């Protein structure tokens, strides 16, 4: 599973990455985490505000920090469990 954090590295982006890592651990999955800071690459996902969370190339949230429980659900859904 690949999880991407889209954003320039602001505190909200860092917090989203922390939550996503905790959620992956809680869901019991091994994930590759990638930080996408390039504006062009971020815009390719049609994301207008950051931070954004992408799980297996699907944008799950943007412009907010979702609750860890939401992220766990998205990860489990992507795993098919």
C-alpha atoms as a PDB file:
ATOM      1  CA  UNK A   1       0.000   0.000   0.000  1.00  0.00           C
ATOM      2  CA  UNK A   2       1.230   3.475  -0.840  1.00  0.00           C
ATOM      3  CA  UNK A   3       0.197   6.484   1.213  1.00  0.00           C
ATOM      4  CA  UNK A   4       1.070   9.961   0.035  1.00  0.00           C
ATOM      5  CA  UNK A   5       0.969  13.191   1.988  1.00  0.00           C
ATOM      6  CA  UNK A   6       0.523  16.141  -0.343  1.00  0.00           C
ATOM      7  CA  UNK A   7       1.754  19.469   0.977  1.00  0.00           C
ATOM      8  CA  UNK A   8       4.708  21.744   1.379  1.00  0.00           C
ATOM      9  CA  UNK A   9       5.791  20.411   4.779  1.00  0.00           C
ATOM     10  CA  UNK A  10       3.803  22.714   7.049  1.00  0.00           C
ATOM     11  CA  UNK A  11       2.879  21.630  10.599  1.00  0.00           C
ATOM     12  CA  UNK A  12      -0.527  20.385   9.376  1.00  0.00           C
ATOM     13  CA  UNK A  13       1.187  18.237   6.746  1.00  0.00           C
ATOM     14  CA  UNK A  14       3.512  16.830   9.382  1.00  0.00           C
ATOM     15  CA  UNK A  15       0.577  16.063  11.684  1.00  0.00           C
ATOM     16  CA  UNK A  16      -1.286  14.314   8.873  1.00  0.00           C
ATOM     17  CA  UNK A  17       1.747  12.140   8.217  1.00  0.00           C
ATOM     18  CA  UNK A  18       1.977  11.226  11.915  1.00  0.00           C
ATOM     19  CA  UNK A  19      -1.706  10.279  12.009  1.00  0.00           C
ATOM     20  CA  UNK A  20      -1.445   8.272   8.784  1.00  0.00           C
ATOM     21  CA  UNK A  21       1.520   6.316  10.136  1.00  0.00           C
ATOM     22  CA  UNK A  22      -0.333   5.618  13.396  1.00  0.00           C
ATOM     23  CA  UNK A  23      -3.430   4.576  11.449  1.00  0.00           C
ATOM     24  CA  UNK A  24      -1.458   2.180   9.250  1.00  0.00           C
ATOM     25  CA  UNK A  25       0.036   0.575  12.349  1.00  0.00           C
ATOM     26  CA  UNK A  26      -3.389   0.339  13.972  1.00  0.00           C
ATOM     27  CA  UNK A  27      -4.827  -1.226  10.820  1.00  0.00           C
ATOM     28  CA  UNK A  28      -1.968  -3.727  10.767  1.00  0.00           C
ATOM     29  CA  UNK A  29      -0.729  -2.875   7.277  1.00  0.00           C
ATOM     30  CA  UNK A  30       2.693  -2.162   5.926  1.00  0.00           C
ATOM     31  CA  UNK A  31       2.674   1.001   3.868  1.00  0.00           C
ATOM     32  CA  UNK A  32       5.142   3.062   1.912  1.00  0.00           C
ATOM     33  CA  UNK A  33       4.891   6.744   2.804  1.00  0.00           C
ATOM     34  CA  UNK A  34       5.751   9.449   0.302  1.00  0.00           C
ATOM     35  CA  UNK A  35       5.785  13.203   0.831  1.00  0.00           C
ATOM     36  CA  UNK A  36       4.770  15.106  -2.294  1.00  0.00           C
ATOM     37  CA  UNK A  37       5.907  18.718  -2.096  1.00  0.00           C
ATOM     38  CA  UNK A  38       6.040  19.641  -5.788  1.00  0.00           C
ATOM     39  CA  UNK A  39       3.140  21.972  -6.630  1.00  0.00           C
ATOM     40  CA  UNK A  40       2.735  20.506 -10.110  1.00  0.00           C
ATOM     41  CA  UNK A  41       2.549  16.983  -8.735  1.00  0.00           C
ATOM     42  CA  UNK A  42       0.021  18.071  -6.107  1.00  0.00           C
ATOM     43  CA  UNK A  43      -2.143  19.777  -8.716  1.00  0.00           C
ATOM     44  CA  UNK A  44      -2.118  16.583 -10.802  1.00  0.00           C
ATOM     45  CA  UNK A  45      -4.369  15.132  -8.070  1.00  0.00           C
ATOM     46  CA  UNK A  46      -6.840  18.039  -8.492  1.00  0.00           C
ATOM     47  CA  UNK A  47      -6.131  19.089  -4.924  1.00  0.00           C
ATOM     48  CA  UNK A  48      -6.721  22.773  -4.302  1.00  0.00           C
ATOM     49  CA  UNK A  49      -5.791  22.885  -0.610  1.00  0.00           C
ATOM     50  CA  UNK A  50      -3.338  20.971   1.509  1.00  0.00           C
ATOM     51  CA  UNK A  51      -2.664  18.883   3.414  1.00  0.00           C
ATOM     52  CA  UNK A  52      -4.077  16.059   1.363  1.00  0.00           C
ATOM     53  CA  UNK A  53      -4.020  12.319   1.891  1.00  0.00           C
ATOM     54  CA  UNK A  54      -3.760   9.867  -1.003  1.00  0.00           C
ATOM     55  CA  UNK A  55      -4.101   6.128  -0.463  1.00  0.00           C
ATOM     56  CA  UNK A  56      -3.218   3.901  -3.412  1.00  0.00           C
ATOM     57  CA  UNK A  57      -3.620   6.851  -5.792  1.00  0.00           C
ATOM     58  CA  UNK A  58      -7.064   7.856  -4.501  1.00  0.00           C
ATOM     59  CA  UNK A  59      -7.460  11.234  -2.800  1.00  0.00           C
ATOM     60  CA  UNK A  60      -9.185  10.612   0.526  1.00  0.00           C
ATOM     61  CA  UNK A  61      -9.061  14.095   2.033  1.00  0.00           C
ATOM     62  CA  UNK A  62      -7.762  17.574   1.310  1.00  0.00           C
ATOM     63  CA  UNK A  63      -7.656  20.851   3.148  1.00  0.00           C
ATOM     64  CA  UNK A  64      -8.150  19.273   6.557  1.00  0.00           C
ATOM     65  CA  UNK A  65      -6.665  16.814   8.998  1.00  0.00           C
ATOM     66  CA  UNK A  66      -9.014  13.826   9.248  1.00  0.00           C
ATOM     67  CA  UNK A  67      -9.435  11.904  12.486  1.00  0.00           C
ATOM     68  CA  UNK A  68      -7.203   8.875  12.871  1.00  0.00           C
ATOM     69  CA  UNK A  69     -10.291   6.625  12.906  1.00  0.00           C
ATOM     70  CA  UNK A  70     -11.260   7.884   9.451  1.00  0.00           C
ATOM     71  CA  UNK A  71      -7.795   7.133   8.118  1.00  0.00           C
ATOM     72  CA  UNK A  72      -7.897   3.624   9.611  1.00  0.00           C
ATOM     73  CA  UNK A  73     -11.222   3.012   7.842  1.00  0.00           C
ATOM     74  CA  UNK A  74      -9.836   4.242   4.519  1.00  0.00           C
ATOM     75  CA  UNK A  75      -6.762   2.038   4.867  1.00  0.00           C
ATOM     76  CA  UNK A  76      -8.851  -1.026   5.709  1.00  0.00           C
ATOM     77  CA  UNK A  77     -11.188  -0.317   2.791  1.00  0.00           C
ATOM     78  CA  UNK A  78      -8.202  -0.034   0.443  1.00  0.00           C
ATOM     79  CA  UNK A  79      -6.947  -3.373   1.764  1.00  0.00           C
ATOM     80  CA  UNK A  80     -10.350  -4.922   1.212  1.00  0.00           C
ATOM     81  CA  UNK A  81     -10.743  -5.856   4.887  1.00  0.00           C
END
